[in-house]
Amino acid sequence: MLTDSESYIKSIPHKRGYNHWRNRLTDAEYQAIYDELNSRISGSEIETSSWIPGRDWSGTVFQPIYEKACQYNEDAAAKFFGLILWHVVMDHEEVWSFGRYRLGDIPIEGLTYFRIDRPDK
């Protein structure tokens, strides 16, 4: 579950772009990405989207995002990856929130997600 501190979020932003890229992946490719991300956040307290995949997606479940879905466009691949992670966190059984933060004076590129306790979940 994903919350913005006021309500639970039940939709994926930038839906048009998300659908465009999603339609270029097979269901099996998308499910493998989804499952890998779900596995990575399960048991975790905090995750930053831009730090999860690493720089080289070769030989990983993330490779089809870059090659097939986004046709070798790094910016599009980063955005689509972030939207998939949003989807995973939104569907997760634990309650998560998110924000944009800095590391010292440097803004962190991706969203940072963190688990929270919400008694009303």
N, C-alpha and C. Protein backbone atom coordinates (compact mmCIF):
# COMPACT_ATOMS: atom_id res chain seq x y z
N MET A 1 0.85 -1.17 0.00
CA MET A 1 0.00 0.00 0.00
C MET A 1 0.89 1.23 0.00
N LEU A 2 0.47 2.22 -0.72
CA LEU A 2 1.23 3.44 -0.86
C LEU A 2 0.37 4.60 -0.38
N THR A 3 0.96 5.46 0.44
CA THR A 3 0.22 6.60 0.97
C THR A 3 1.02 7.87 0.80
N ASP A 4 0.32 8.97 0.67
CA ASP A 4 0.96 10.28 0.60
C ASP A 4 0.74 11.05 1.89
N SER A 5 0.45 10.36 2.96
CA SER A 5 0.18 10.85 4.31
C SER A 5 -1.27 11.31 4.49
N GLU A 6 -2.00 11.47 3.42
CA GLU A 6 -3.41 11.84 3.54
C GLU A 6 -4.35 10.72 3.14
N SER A 7 -3.94 9.97 2.11
CA SER A 7 -4.81 8.90 1.62
C SER A 7 -3.96 7.83 0.94
N TYR A 8 -4.59 6.69 0.71
CA TYR A 8 -3.90 5.62 0.00
C TYR A 8 -3.97 5.90 -1.50
N ILE A 9 -2.88 5.63 -2.17
CA ILE A 9 -2.78 5.87 -3.60
C ILE A 9 -3.14 4.57 -4.32
N LYS A 10 -4.01 4.69 -5.28
CA LYS A 10 -4.51 3.50 -5.98
C LYS A 10 -4.35 3.59 -7.49
N SER A 11 -3.51 4.51 -7.96
CA SER A 11 -3.30 4.63 -9.40
C SER A 11 -1.84 4.93 -9.71
N ILE A 12 -1.46 4.61 -10.91
CA ILE A 12 -0.10 4.83 -11.38
C ILE A 12 -0.06 6.17 -12.11
N PRO A 13 0.87 7.06 -11.74
CA PRO A 13 0.95 8.34 -12.45
C PRO A 13 1.49 8.14 -13.88
N HIS A 14 1.32 9.14 -14.70
CA HIS A 14 1.82 9.10 -16.08
C HIS A 14 1.34 7.83 -16.79
N LYS A 15 0.06 7.55 -16.62
CA LYS A 15 -0.53 6.30 -17.10
C LYS A 15 -0.36 6.10 -18.60
N ARG A 16 -0.43 7.15 -19.37
CA ARG A 16 -0.30 7.01 -20.83
C ARG A 16 1.09 6.47 -21.20
N GLY A 17 2.14 7.06 -20.64
CA GLY A 17 3.49 6.58 -20.89
C GLY A 17 3.69 5.17 -20.36
N TYR A 18 3.20 4.93 -19.15
CA TYR A 18 3.30 3.60 -18.55
C TYR A 18 2.66 2.56 -19.47
N ASN A 19 1.43 2.81 -19.94
CA ASN A 19 0.74 1.85 -20.81
C ASN A 19 1.48 1.65 -22.13
N HIS A 20 2.01 2.72 -22.68
CA HIS A 20 2.75 2.64 -23.94
C HIS A 20 3.94 1.68 -23.78
N TRP A 21 4.74 1.88 -22.73
CA TRP A 21 5.91 1.03 -22.50
C TRP A 21 5.49 -0.38 -22.07
N ARG A 22 4.47 -0.48 -21.24
CA ARG A 22 4.02 -1.78 -20.74
C ARG A 22 3.57 -2.68 -21.89
N ASN A 23 2.92 -2.11 -22.87
CA ASN A 23 2.43 -2.88 -24.01
C ASN A 23 3.54 -3.47 -24.87
N ARG A 24 4.75 -3.00 -24.72
CA ARG A 24 5.88 -3.53 -25.48
C ARG A 24 6.54 -4.73 -24.79
N LEU A 25 6.12 -5.02 -23.56
CA LEU A 25 6.66 -6.18 -22.83
C LEU A 25 5.63 -7.30 -22.84
N THR A 26 6.13 -8.53 -22.81
CA THR A 26 5.22 -9.65 -22.64
C THR A 26 4.76 -9.68 -21.18
N ASP A 27 3.68 -10.39 -20.94
CA ASP A 27 3.22 -10.55 -19.55
C ASP A 27 4.29 -11.22 -18.70
N ALA A 28 5.00 -12.19 -19.27
CA ALA A 28 6.05 -12.90 -18.53
C ALA A 28 7.21 -11.98 -18.19
N GLU A 29 7.60 -11.12 -19.12
CA GLU A 29 8.69 -10.17 -18.85
C GLU A 29 8.29 -9.20 -17.74
N TYR A 30 7.08 -8.66 -17.86
CA TYR A 30 6.62 -7.72 -16.84
C TYR A 30 6.52 -8.40 -15.48
N GLN A 31 5.98 -9.61 -15.44
CA GLN A 31 5.82 -10.32 -14.17
C GLN A 31 7.18 -10.61 -13.53
N ALA A 32 8.19 -10.95 -14.33
CA ALA A 32 9.53 -11.20 -13.79
C ALA A 32 10.11 -9.94 -13.16
N ILE A 33 9.90 -8.79 -13.81
CA ILE A 33 10.37 -7.51 -13.26
C ILE A 33 9.61 -7.21 -11.97
N TYR A 34 8.30 -7.34 -12.01
CA TYR A 34 7.45 -7.08 -10.86
C TYR A 34 7.86 -7.96 -9.67
N ASP A 35 8.03 -9.25 -9.94
CA ASP A 35 8.40 -10.19 -8.87
C ASP A 35 9.78 -9.87 -8.28
N GLU A 36 10.73 -9.51 -9.13
CA GLU A 36 12.07 -9.15 -8.65
C GLU A 36 12.01 -7.92 -7.75
N LEU A 37 11.28 -6.92 -8.16
CA LEU A 37 11.17 -5.71 -7.34
C LEU A 37 10.42 -5.99 -6.04
N ASN A 38 9.38 -6.78 -6.12
CA ASN A 38 8.64 -7.14 -4.91
C ASN A 38 9.54 -7.89 -3.93
N SER A 39 10.37 -8.78 -4.45
CA SER A 39 11.30 -9.52 -3.61
C SER A 39 12.32 -8.58 -2.95
N ARG A 40 12.78 -7.60 -3.70
CA ARG A 40 13.79 -6.67 -3.18
C ARG A 40 13.24 -5.77 -2.08
N ILE A 41 11.97 -5.37 -2.18
CA ILE A 41 11.45 -4.47 -1.15
C ILE A 41 10.89 -5.22 0.05
N SER A 42 10.54 -6.49 -0.13
CA SER A 42 9.99 -7.27 0.99
C SER A 42 11.06 -7.41 2.07
N GLY A 43 10.70 -7.05 3.28
CA GLY A 43 11.64 -7.11 4.39
C GLY A 43 12.52 -5.89 4.51
N SER A 44 12.41 -4.97 3.57
CA SER A 44 13.21 -3.76 3.57
C SER A 44 12.45 -2.64 4.27
N GLU A 45 13.17 -1.68 4.78
CA GLU A 45 12.56 -0.53 5.43
C GLU A 45 12.57 0.71 4.55
N ILE A 46 13.58 0.78 3.67
CA ILE A 46 13.75 1.96 2.82
C ILE A 46 14.40 1.55 1.51
N GLU A 47 13.93 2.12 0.41
CA GLU A 47 14.49 1.85 -0.91
C GLU A 47 14.44 3.13 -1.74
N THR A 48 15.46 3.34 -2.53
CA THR A 48 15.49 4.47 -3.45
C THR A 48 15.49 3.92 -4.86
N SER A 49 14.53 4.36 -5.65
CA SER A 49 14.31 3.77 -6.97
C SER A 49 15.55 3.78 -7.85
N SER A 50 16.28 4.86 -7.88
CA SER A 50 17.43 4.95 -8.79
C SER A 50 18.62 4.13 -8.32
N TRP A 51 18.57 3.60 -7.11
CA TRP A 51 19.69 2.80 -6.61
C TRP A 51 19.45 1.30 -6.74
N ILE A 52 18.24 0.91 -7.06
CA ILE A 52 17.91 -0.53 -7.11
C ILE A 52 18.52 -1.24 -8.32
N PRO A 53 18.32 -0.74 -9.53
CA PRO A 53 18.73 -1.58 -10.67
C PRO A 53 20.21 -1.59 -10.97
N GLY A 54 20.95 -0.59 -10.53
CA GLY A 54 22.35 -0.49 -10.92
C GLY A 54 22.48 0.12 -12.31
N ARG A 55 23.69 0.32 -12.78
CA ARG A 55 23.92 0.99 -14.06
C ARG A 55 23.79 0.05 -15.26
N ASP A 56 24.15 -1.20 -15.10
CA ASP A 56 24.15 -2.14 -16.22
C ASP A 56 23.07 -3.18 -16.00
N TRP A 57 22.06 -3.15 -16.85
CA TRP A 57 20.93 -4.08 -16.72
C TRP A 57 21.12 -5.34 -17.55
N SER A 58 22.26 -5.48 -18.19
CA SER A 58 22.53 -6.65 -19.04
C SER A 58 22.40 -7.94 -18.24
N GLY A 59 21.67 -8.89 -18.79
CA GLY A 59 21.52 -10.19 -18.14
C GLY A 59 20.60 -10.19 -16.93
N THR A 60 19.87 -9.10 -16.71
CA THR A 60 18.94 -9.05 -15.58
C THR A 60 17.51 -9.01 -16.11
N VAL A 61 16.55 -9.17 -15.22
CA VAL A 61 15.15 -9.08 -15.63
C VAL A 61 14.80 -7.68 -16.09
N PHE A 62 15.64 -6.69 -15.77
CA PHE A 62 15.37 -5.30 -16.14
C PHE A 62 15.78 -4.97 -17.58
N GLN A 63 16.57 -5.82 -18.21
CA GLN A 63 17.07 -5.56 -19.56
C GLN A 63 15.94 -5.27 -20.56
N PRO A 64 14.81 -6.00 -20.55
CA PRO A 64 13.74 -5.70 -21.50
C PRO A 64 13.12 -4.30 -21.34
N ILE A 65 13.24 -3.71 -20.16
CA ILE A 65 12.74 -2.34 -19.99
C ILE A 65 13.50 -1.41 -20.93
N TYR A 66 14.81 -1.52 -20.91
CA TYR A 66 15.67 -0.66 -21.72
C TYR A 66 15.59 -1.00 -23.21
N GLU A 67 15.71 -2.29 -23.51
CA GLU A 67 15.81 -2.69 -24.92
C GLU A 67 14.45 -2.74 -25.63
N LYS A 68 13.47 -3.42 -25.04
CA LYS A 68 12.18 -3.61 -25.72
C LYS A 68 11.20 -2.47 -25.45
N ALA A 69 10.94 -2.24 -24.18
CA ALA A 69 9.89 -1.27 -23.84
C ALA A 69 10.28 0.16 -24.23
N CYS A 70 11.52 0.53 -23.96
CA CYS A 70 11.94 1.92 -24.17
C CYS A 70 12.90 2.09 -25.34
N GLN A 71 13.15 1.04 -26.05
CA GLN A 71 13.94 1.06 -27.29
C GLN A 71 15.26 1.83 -27.13
N TYR A 72 16.01 1.45 -26.11
CA TYR A 72 17.36 1.96 -25.84
C TYR A 72 17.40 3.43 -25.43
N ASN A 73 16.31 3.95 -24.94
CA ASN A 73 16.26 5.32 -24.44
C ASN A 73 16.45 5.28 -22.93
N GLU A 74 17.60 5.74 -22.44
CA GLU A 74 17.92 5.65 -21.01
C GLU A 74 16.95 6.43 -20.13
N ASP A 75 16.59 7.63 -20.57
CA ASP A 75 15.66 8.44 -19.77
C ASP A 75 14.29 7.77 -19.66
N ALA A 76 13.79 7.27 -20.78
CA ALA A 76 12.50 6.58 -20.77
C ALA A 76 12.57 5.32 -19.91
N ALA A 77 13.67 4.58 -20.01
CA ALA A 77 13.82 3.36 -19.22
C ALA A 77 13.83 3.67 -17.73
N ALA A 78 14.50 4.74 -17.34
CA ALA A 78 14.52 5.13 -15.92
C ALA A 78 13.12 5.50 -15.45
N LYS A 79 12.38 6.23 -16.27
CA LYS A 79 11.01 6.62 -15.90
C LYS A 79 10.10 5.40 -15.80
N PHE A 80 10.19 4.50 -16.79
CA PHE A 80 9.34 3.32 -16.76
C PHE A 80 9.69 2.42 -15.58
N PHE A 81 10.99 2.25 -15.31
CA PHE A 81 11.40 1.48 -14.15
C PHE A 81 10.77 2.07 -12.88
N GLY A 82 10.83 3.39 -12.75
CA GLY A 82 10.24 4.05 -11.58
C GLY A 82 8.75 3.82 -11.47
N LEU A 83 8.06 3.81 -12.60
CA LEU A 83 6.62 3.57 -12.57
C LEU A 83 6.29 2.12 -12.22
N ILE A 84 7.12 1.20 -12.67
CA ILE A 84 6.90 -0.20 -12.28
C ILE A 84 7.12 -0.36 -10.78
N LEU A 85 8.17 0.26 -10.26
CA LEU A 85 8.41 0.19 -8.81
C LEU A 85 7.24 0.82 -8.05
N TRP A 86 6.73 1.93 -8.54
CA TRP A 86 5.55 2.57 -7.93
C TRP A 86 4.41 1.55 -7.87
N HIS A 87 4.16 0.84 -8.97
CA HIS A 87 3.11 -0.17 -9.04
C HIS A 87 3.33 -1.26 -7.98
N VAL A 88 4.57 -1.73 -7.87
CA VAL A 88 4.90 -2.79 -6.90
C VAL A 88 4.66 -2.30 -5.47
N VAL A 89 5.13 -1.11 -5.15
CA VAL A 89 4.96 -0.56 -3.80
C VAL A 89 3.48 -0.32 -3.52
N MET A 90 2.76 0.18 -4.49
CA MET A 90 1.33 0.44 -4.33
C MET A 90 0.57 -0.85 -4.01
N ASP A 91 0.99 -1.97 -4.61
CA ASP A 91 0.32 -3.26 -4.40
C ASP A 91 0.83 -4.01 -3.17
N HIS A 92 1.92 -3.56 -2.56
CA HIS A 92 2.56 -4.30 -1.48
C HIS A 92 1.66 -4.36 -0.25
N GLU A 93 1.79 -5.44 0.52
CA GLU A 93 0.95 -5.62 1.71
C GLU A 93 1.33 -4.65 2.83
N GLU A 94 2.58 -4.24 2.89
CA GLU A 94 3.02 -3.28 3.89
C GLU A 94 2.66 -1.87 3.42
N VAL A 95 2.61 -0.94 4.36
CA VAL A 95 2.29 0.44 4.03
C VAL A 95 3.60 1.21 3.80
N TRP A 96 3.67 1.90 2.67
CA TRP A 96 4.84 2.67 2.30
C TRP A 96 4.45 4.11 2.01
N SER A 97 5.39 5.01 2.25
CA SER A 97 5.25 6.38 1.81
C SER A 97 6.48 6.72 0.99
N PHE A 98 6.61 7.94 0.55
CA PHE A 98 7.69 8.27 -0.37
C PHE A 98 8.00 9.75 -0.32
N GLY A 99 9.14 10.10 -0.88
CA GLY A 99 9.50 11.51 -0.99
C GLY A 99 10.74 11.67 -1.84
N ARG A 100 11.08 12.91 -2.10
CA ARG A 100 12.31 13.26 -2.82
C ARG A 100 13.26 13.86 -1.79
N TYR A 101 14.48 13.38 -1.79
CA TYR A 101 15.44 13.78 -0.77
C TYR A 101 16.78 14.14 -1.38
N ARG A 102 17.68 14.57 -0.52
CA ARG A 102 19.03 14.96 -0.92
C ARG A 102 20.02 14.10 -0.15
N LEU A 103 21.16 13.90 -0.74
CA LEU A 103 22.28 13.26 -0.07
C LEU A 103 23.34 14.34 0.06
N GLY A 104 23.41 14.94 1.22
CA GLY A 104 24.23 16.14 1.38
C GLY A 104 23.60 17.26 0.58
N ASP A 105 24.38 17.84 -0.33
CA ASP A 105 23.87 18.92 -1.18
C ASP A 105 23.35 18.43 -2.53
N ILE A 106 23.40 17.12 -2.74
CA ILE A 106 23.06 16.57 -4.05
C ILE A 106 21.66 15.95 -4.01
N PRO A 107 20.76 16.40 -4.89
CA PRO A 107 19.43 15.79 -4.94
C PRO A 107 19.53 14.34 -5.44
N ILE A 108 18.80 13.45 -4.80
CA ILE A 108 18.74 12.06 -5.23
C ILE A 108 17.77 12.00 -6.41
N GLU A 109 18.19 11.34 -7.48
CA GLU A 109 17.38 11.31 -8.71
C GLU A 109 16.01 10.68 -8.54
N GLY A 110 15.95 9.50 -7.95
CA GLY A 110 14.68 8.78 -7.88
C GLY A 110 13.92 9.08 -6.61
N LEU A 111 12.75 8.48 -6.53
CA LEU A 111 11.96 8.57 -5.31
C LEU A 111 12.52 7.63 -4.25
N THR A 112 12.44 8.05 -3.01
CA THR A 112 12.80 7.19 -1.89
C THR A 112 11.51 6.75 -1.23
N TYR A 113 11.38 5.44 -1.08
CA TYR A 113 10.21 4.84 -0.44
C TYR A 113 10.62 4.34 0.94
N PHE A 114 9.73 4.47 1.90
CA PHE A 114 10.01 3.98 3.25
C PHE A 114 8.73 3.42 3.85
N ARG A 115 8.94 2.31 4.60
CA ARG A 115 7.80 1.66 5.25
C ARG A 115 7.38 2.49 6.45
N ILE A 116 6.08 2.54 6.66
CA ILE A 116 5.54 3.25 7.81
C ILE A 116 4.50 2.37 8.49
N ASP A 117 4.24 2.67 9.74
CA ASP A 117 3.17 1.99 10.46
C ASP A 117 1.91 2.85 10.36
N ARG A 118 0.87 2.27 9.82
CA ARG A 118 -0.43 2.97 9.74
C ARG A 118 -1.46 2.06 10.38
N PRO A 119 -1.94 2.43 11.55
CA PRO A 119 -2.91 1.57 12.22
C PRO A 119 -4.22 1.42 11.47
N ASP A 120 -4.49 2.31 10.53
CA ASP A 120 -5.76 2.25 9.79
C ASP A 120 -5.70 1.43 8.52
N LYS A 121 -4.58 0.70 8.30
CA LYS A 121 -4.44 -0.04 7.03
C LYS A 121 -5.39 -1.19 6.87
